[in-house]
């Protein structure tokens, strides 16, 4: 379970910030997803 201070769902696999994860790291943690679930999405304008 993630906390507000640690938005990453898999902090044990995190090497930096969730925004810095490579596509391979995202696939390893979350499977084949279109967007990294640990990175907050900016609302569309």
C-alpha atoms as a PDB file:
ATOM      1  CA  UNK A   1       0.000   0.000   0.000  1.00  0.00           C
ATOM      2  CA  UNK A   2       1.368   3.416  -0.907  1.00  0.00           C
ATOM      3  CA  UNK A   3       1.444   6.472   1.299  1.00  0.00           C
ATOM      4  CA  UNK A   4       1.220  10.148   0.316  1.00  0.00           C
ATOM      5  CA  UNK A   5       4.967  10.600   0.874  1.00  0.00           C
ATOM      6  CA  UNK A   6       5.856   7.448  -1.111  1.00  0.00           C
ATOM      7  CA  UNK A   7       3.576   7.214  -4.154  1.00  0.00           C
ATOM      8  CA  UNK A   8       5.503   4.270  -5.605  1.00  0.00           C
ATOM      9  CA  UNK A   9       3.571   0.989  -5.499  1.00  0.00           C
ATOM     10  CA  UNK A  10       6.816  -1.044  -5.548  1.00  0.00           C
ATOM     11  CA  UNK A  11       9.338   0.996  -3.501  1.00  0.00           C
ATOM     12  CA  UNK A  12      11.583  -2.061  -3.039  1.00  0.00           C
ATOM     13  CA  UNK A  13      12.285  -1.967  -6.811  1.00  0.00           C
ATOM     14  CA  UNK A  14      12.689   1.810  -7.071  1.00  0.00           C
ATOM     15  CA  UNK A  15      16.178   3.101  -7.920  1.00  0.00           C
ATOM     16  CA  UNK A  16      15.280   6.795  -8.129  1.00  0.00           C
ATOM     17  CA  UNK A  17      12.024   8.644  -8.646  1.00  0.00           C
ATOM     18  CA  UNK A  18       9.057   6.893 -10.291  1.00  0.00           C
ATOM     19  CA  UNK A  19       9.290   9.462 -13.114  1.00  0.00           C
ATOM     20  CA  UNK A  20      12.811   8.159 -13.869  1.00  0.00           C
ATOM     21  CA  UNK A  21      11.854   4.493 -14.314  1.00  0.00           C
ATOM     22  CA  UNK A  22      12.770   2.991 -17.657  1.00  0.00           C
ATOM     23  CA  UNK A  23      10.143   1.168 -19.727  1.00  0.00           C
ATOM     24  CA  UNK A  24      11.841  -2.109 -18.757  1.00  0.00           C
ATOM     25  CA  UNK A  25      11.586  -1.260 -15.033  1.00  0.00           C
ATOM     26  CA  UNK A  26       7.913  -0.304 -15.403  1.00  0.00           C
ATOM     27  CA  UNK A  27       7.235  -3.604 -17.207  1.00  0.00           C
ATOM     28  CA  UNK A  28       9.067  -5.539 -14.477  1.00  0.00           C
ATOM     29  CA  UNK A  29       7.006  -3.920 -11.708  1.00  0.00           C
ATOM     30  CA  UNK A  30       3.603  -3.500 -13.342  1.00  0.00           C
ATOM     31  CA  UNK A  31       3.476  -5.708 -16.411  1.00  0.00           C
ATOM     32  CA  UNK A  32       2.455  -4.407 -19.808  1.00  0.00           C
ATOM     33  CA  UNK A  33       0.806  -1.075 -18.978  1.00  0.00           C
ATOM     34  CA  UNK A  34       0.369   2.025 -21.162  1.00  0.00           C
ATOM     35  CA  UNK A  35       1.217   4.505 -18.388  1.00  0.00           C
ATOM     36  CA  UNK A  36       3.335   4.155 -15.263  1.00  0.00           C
ATOM     37  CA  UNK A  37       0.797   3.859 -12.416  1.00  0.00           C
ATOM     38  CA  UNK A  38       3.247   5.305  -9.872  1.00  0.00           C
ATOM     39  CA  UNK A  39       3.536   8.648 -11.689  1.00  0.00           C
ATOM     40  CA  UNK A  40       0.689  11.054 -10.948  1.00  0.00           C
ATOM     41  CA  UNK A  41      -1.098  11.982 -14.147  1.00  0.00           C
ATOM     42  CA  UNK A  42      -1.582  15.662 -14.863  1.00  0.00           C
ATOM     43  CA  UNK A  43      -5.207  16.562 -15.562  1.00  0.00           C
ATOM     44  CA  UNK A  44      -5.989  17.355 -19.171  1.00  0.00           C
ATOM     45  CA  UNK A  45      -6.910  20.970 -19.934  1.00  0.00           C
END
